[in-house]
């Protein structure tokens, strides 16, 4: 196991009030709570990326619902030996909508 290197070098620079406010805003947008961690990340990597994955979370939620419905249809089919065509068609439609949503999300991610 590598020994963790101590941070004992200080880098100091001054900013005006407008710059400080802008740095704080960008730090918050990037999800950092420590200005030191944010400044190190920016100085070393030159940029940060924070993705808004709200639509991905929604797609995952819908996928869970769809999976649950599929499991219930399978359970009903196993118990009764029959399924309803309308249920299967609805499940297929929902699955196609999910695929379209995920394709759009992936298309946007590729452009980053």
Protein backbone atom coordinates (compact mmCIF):
# COMPACT_ATOMS: atom_id res chain seq x y z
CA UNK A 1 0.00 0.00 0.00
CA UNK A 2 1.36 3.38 -0.98
CA UNK A 3 1.98 5.97 1.67
CA UNK A 4 -0.34 8.96 1.26
CA UNK A 5 1.64 12.03 0.36
CA UNK A 6 1.21 15.01 2.68
CA UNK A 7 0.05 18.26 1.15
CA UNK A 8 2.57 20.73 2.50
CA UNK A 9 3.04 23.14 -0.43
CA UNK A 10 0.87 26.21 -0.56
CA UNK A 11 -0.21 28.05 -3.68
CA UNK A 12 -1.74 31.43 -3.05
CA UNK A 13 -3.48 33.83 -5.42
CA UNK A 14 -5.86 36.73 -5.10
CA UNK A 15 -9.21 37.27 -6.82
CA UNK A 16 -11.71 40.12 -6.78
CA UNK A 17 -15.25 39.78 -5.43
CA UNK A 18 -16.76 39.02 -8.85
CA UNK A 19 -14.19 36.32 -9.57
CA UNK A 20 -14.69 34.79 -6.09
CA UNK A 21 -18.44 34.66 -6.65
CA UNK A 22 -17.99 33.04 -10.07
CA UNK A 23 -15.53 30.47 -8.67
CA UNK A 24 -17.97 29.63 -5.84
CA UNK A 25 -20.84 29.26 -8.34
CA UNK A 26 -18.85 26.94 -10.61
CA UNK A 27 -17.62 24.97 -7.60
CA UNK A 28 -21.22 24.43 -6.45
CA UNK A 29 -22.33 23.46 -9.97
CA UNK A 30 -19.53 20.89 -10.13
CA UNK A 31 -20.63 19.40 -6.80
CA UNK A 32 -17.58 20.35 -4.74
CA UNK A 33 -17.92 21.35 -1.10
CA UNK A 34 -14.25 22.14 -0.59
CA UNK A 35 -12.69 25.04 -2.45
CA UNK A 36 -9.26 23.42 -2.03
CA UNK A 37 -10.42 20.20 -3.71
CA UNK A 38 -12.08 22.19 -6.50
CA UNK A 39 -9.03 24.38 -7.13
CA UNK A 40 -6.70 21.32 -7.17
CA UNK A 41 -9.00 19.54 -9.62
CA UNK A 42 -9.16 22.58 -11.90
CA UNK A 43 -5.42 23.24 -11.71
CA UNK A 44 -4.47 19.63 -12.44
CA UNK A 45 -7.15 18.57 -14.93
CA UNK A 46 -8.11 21.94 -16.36
CA UNK A 47 -11.83 21.20 -16.30
CA UNK A 48 -14.60 19.41 -14.46
CA UNK A 49 -17.69 17.81 -15.92
CA UNK A 50 -20.91 17.36 -14.03
CA UNK A 51 -23.62 15.60 -15.93
CA UNK A 52 -27.30 16.19 -15.34
CA UNK A 53 -28.58 12.63 -15.33
CA UNK A 54 -32.16 13.44 -14.39
CA UNK A 55 -33.47 11.86 -17.58
CA UNK A 56 -31.29 8.78 -17.00
CA UNK A 57 -32.77 8.37 -13.53
CA UNK A 58 -36.26 8.61 -15.05
CA UNK A 59 -35.37 5.98 -17.66
CA UNK A 60 -34.10 3.67 -14.91
CA UNK A 61 -37.30 4.22 -12.92
CA UNK A 62 -39.41 3.35 -15.96
CA UNK A 63 -37.25 0.33 -16.67
CA UNK A 64 -37.84 -0.93 -13.12
CA UNK A 65 -41.59 -0.49 -13.55
CA UNK A 66 -41.47 -2.28 -16.90
CA UNK A 67 -39.41 -5.12 -15.41
CA UNK A 68 -41.85 -5.45 -12.53
CA UNK A 69 -44.76 -5.62 -15.00
CA UNK A 70 -42.96 -8.29 -17.02
CA UNK A 71 -42.37 -10.34 -13.86
CA UNK A 72 -46.05 -10.07 -12.96
CA UNK A 73 -47.10 -11.19 -16.47
CA UNK A 74 -44.73 -14.15 -16.21
CA UNK A 75 -46.10 -15.04 -12.78
CA UNK A 76 -49.68 -14.86 -14.09
CA UNK A 77 -48.77 -16.99 -17.11
CA UNK A 78 -47.16 -19.59 -14.85
CA UNK A 79 -50.13 -19.64 -12.49
CA UNK A 80 -52.97 -19.61 -15.01
CA UNK A 81 -51.31 -20.84 -18.19
CA UNK A 82 -52.56 -17.80 -20.11
CA UNK A 83 -51.64 -14.18 -20.77
CA UNK A 84 -53.45 -11.27 -22.37
CA UNK A 85 -52.25 -10.07 -25.77
CA UNK A 86 -53.15 -6.46 -24.84
CA UNK A 87 -50.84 -6.66 -21.81
CA UNK A 88 -47.95 -7.93 -23.93
CA UNK A 89 -48.53 -5.24 -26.57
CA UNK A 90 -48.53 -2.54 -23.87
CA UNK A 91 -45.31 -3.93 -22.41
CA UNK A 92 -43.70 -3.94 -25.87
CA UNK A 93 -44.79 -0.34 -26.47
CA UNK A 94 -43.32 0.77 -23.12
CA UNK A 95 -40.10 -1.10 -23.89
CA UNK A 96 -39.78 0.66 -27.28
CA UNK A 97 -40.34 4.06 -25.61
CA UNK A 98 -37.61 3.26 -23.08
CA UNK A 99 -35.18 2.30 -25.86
CA UNK A 100 -35.90 5.59 -27.66
CA UNK A 101 -35.34 7.57 -24.46
CA UNK A 102 -32.05 5.78 -23.78
CA UNK A 103 -30.87 6.30 -27.39
CA UNK A 104 -31.46 10.06 -27.02
CA UNK A 105 -29.59 10.15 -23.71
CA UNK A 106 -26.65 8.22 -25.15
CA UNK A 107 -26.62 10.49 -28.21
CA UNK A 108 -26.27 13.54 -25.95
CA UNK A 109 -23.52 11.87 -23.90
CA UNK A 110 -21.54 11.05 -27.04
CA UNK A 111 -21.52 14.76 -27.96
CA UNK A 112 -19.80 15.72 -24.69
